[in-house]
C-alpha atoms as a PDB file:
ATOM      1  CA  MET A   1      12.808 -13.891  12.250  1.00  0.00           C
ATOM      2  CA  GLN A   2      14.937 -14.878   9.112  1.00  0.00           C
ATOM      3  CA  VAL A   3      19.181 -13.926   8.095  1.00  0.00           C
ATOM      4  CA  LEU A   4      18.937 -12.763   4.082  1.00  0.00           C
ATOM      5  CA  SER A   5      21.730 -13.136   1.913  1.00  0.00           C
ATOM      6  CA  ASN A   6      22.730 -10.361   0.341  1.00  0.00           C
ATOM      7  CA  GLN A   7      21.102 -10.721  -3.347  1.00  0.00           C
ATOM      8  CA  GLU A   8      17.660 -11.989  -1.261  1.00  0.00           C
ATOM      9  CA  ALA A   9      17.815  -8.860   1.375  1.00  0.00           C
ATOM     10  CA  TRP A  10      17.875  -6.837  -2.018  1.00  0.00           C
ATOM     11  CA  ALA A  11      15.560  -8.380  -3.446  1.00  0.00           C
ATOM     12  CA  TYR A  12      12.891  -7.545  -0.180  1.00  0.00           C
ATOM     13  CA  TYR A  13      13.504  -3.938  -0.170  1.00  0.00           C
ATOM     14  CA  SER A  14      13.335  -3.968  -4.393  1.00  0.00           C
ATOM     15  CA  LYS A  15       9.768  -5.373  -3.529  1.00  0.00           C
ATOM     16  CA  LEU A  16       8.817  -2.383  -0.670  1.00  0.00           C
ATOM     17  CA  LEU A  17       9.733   0.126  -3.289  1.00  0.00           C
ATOM     18  CA  LYS A  18       6.937  -1.170  -5.594  1.00  0.00           C
ATOM     19  CA  ASP A  19       4.367  -1.769  -2.927  1.00  0.00           C
ATOM     20  CA  LEU A  20       5.501   1.337  -1.442  1.00  0.00           C
ATOM     21  CA  LEU A  21       5.078   3.459  -5.081  1.00  0.00           C
ATOM     22  CA  VAL A  22       1.234   2.151  -5.691  1.00  0.00           C
ATOM     23  CA  VAL A  23       0.370   2.127  -2.333  1.00  0.00           C
ATOM     24  CA  CYS A  24       1.381   6.704  -3.653  1.00  0.00           C
ATOM     25  CA  GLN A  25      -0.704   6.064  -6.190  1.00  0.00           C
ATOM     26  CA  LEU A  26      -3.958   6.355  -4.271  1.00  0.00           C
ATOM     27  CA  ALA A  27      -3.867  10.204  -3.961  1.00  0.00           C
ATOM     28  CA  GLY A  28      -6.007   9.826  -7.153  1.00  0.00           C
ATOM     29  CA  ILE A  29      -8.613   7.739  -5.946  1.00  0.00           C
ATOM     30  CA  GLN A  30     -11.469   9.885  -5.544  1.00  0.00           C
ATOM     31  CA  GLN A  31     -14.123   7.195  -6.096  1.00  0.00           C
ATOM     32  CA  TRP A  32     -15.185   4.615  -3.711  1.00  0.00           C
ATOM     33  CA  PRO A  33     -15.457   1.913  -6.824  1.00  0.00           C
ATOM     34  CA  GLN A  34     -12.128   2.494  -7.343  1.00  0.00           C
ATOM     35  CA  LEU A  35     -11.423   1.852  -4.186  1.00  0.00           C
ATOM     36  CA  GLN A  36     -11.848  -0.955  -3.883  1.00  0.00           C
ATOM     37  CA  GLU A  37     -10.902  -2.808  -7.147  1.00  0.00           C
ATOM     38  CA  PHE A  38      -7.412  -0.879  -5.713  1.00  0.00           C
ATOM     39  CA  LEU A  39      -7.433  -2.684  -3.185  1.00  0.00           C
ATOM     40  CA  HIS A  40      -8.238  -6.489  -4.827  1.00  0.00           C
ATOM     41  CA  SER A  41      -5.796  -5.187  -6.854  1.00  0.00           C
ATOM     42  CA  PHE A  42      -3.057  -4.555  -4.167  1.00  0.00           C
ATOM     43  CA  ALA A  43      -4.394  -7.941  -2.286  1.00  0.00           C
ATOM     44  CA  LYS A  44      -3.228 -10.366  -4.715  1.00  0.00           C
ATOM     45  CA  GLN A  45       0.192  -8.918  -5.013  1.00  0.00           C
ATOM     46  CA  SER A  46       1.118 -10.361  -1.322  1.00  0.00           C
ATOM     47  CA  PRO A  47       2.191  -6.819  -0.004  1.00  0.00           C
ATOM     48  CA  GLY A  48       4.176  -7.036   2.641  1.00  0.00           C
ATOM     49  CA  SER A  49       3.364  -5.915   6.308  1.00  0.00           C
ATOM     50  CA  VAL A  50       5.029  -2.778   5.938  1.00  0.00           C
ATOM     51  CA  ALA A  51       3.387  -1.808   2.544  1.00  0.00           C
ATOM     52  CA  ARG A  52      -0.373  -2.880   4.305  1.00  0.00           C
ATOM     53  CA  SER A  53      -0.024  -0.605   7.514  1.00  0.00           C
ATOM     54  CA  ALA A  54       1.076   2.589   5.072  1.00  0.00           C
ATOM     55  CA  MET A  55      -1.868   1.760   2.821  1.00  0.00           C
ATOM     56  CA  HIS A  56      -3.893   1.604   5.381  1.00  0.00           C
ATOM     57  CA  ALA A  57      -2.333   4.528   6.584  1.00  0.00           C
ATOM     58  CA  VAL A  58      -2.756   6.736   3.355  1.00  0.00           C
ATOM     59  CA  ILE A  59      -6.760   5.607   3.501  1.00  0.00           C
ATOM     60  CA  THR A  60      -7.924   6.467   6.767  1.00  0.00           C
ATOM     61  CA  GLY A  61      -5.209   9.434   7.189  1.00  0.00           C
ATOM     62  CA  VAL A  62      -2.283   9.293   9.614  1.00  0.00           C
ATOM     63  CA  ARG A  63      -4.722   9.807  13.509  1.00  0.00           C
ATOM     64  CA  GLY A  64      -7.562  10.517  11.358  1.00  0.00           C
ATOM     65  CA  THR A  65      -7.039  13.804   9.979  1.00  0.00           C
ATOM     66  CA  ASN A  66      -6.541  13.420   6.272  1.00  0.00           C
ATOM     67  CA  ARG A  67      -9.635  11.824   5.598  1.00  0.00           C
ATOM     68  CA  GLN A  68     -11.075  12.772   2.982  1.00  0.00           C
ATOM     69  CA  LYS A  69     -15.176  11.504   1.460  1.00  0.00           C
ATOM     70  CA  LEU A  70     -15.257   9.110  -1.065  1.00  0.00           C
ATOM     71  CA  ALA A  71     -18.107   9.606  -3.470  1.00  0.00           C
ATOM     72  CA  PRO A  72     -20.008   6.440  -3.959  1.00  0.00           C
END
């Protein structure tokens, strides 16, 4: 755990919100190749664990109830 200054904390939350907004873009992906490209692009941004977890939840569906098949 690390204690952050006010400026560092706001920068962290700003990046978190930006990453979560990117995760929201997953809703428009319908094809497997698009998902692969999205995941590679997302990983290059070095998202934090919360954003990665949110992305995982969106892809797999919460408790597996929202799964949609991606077209090949």
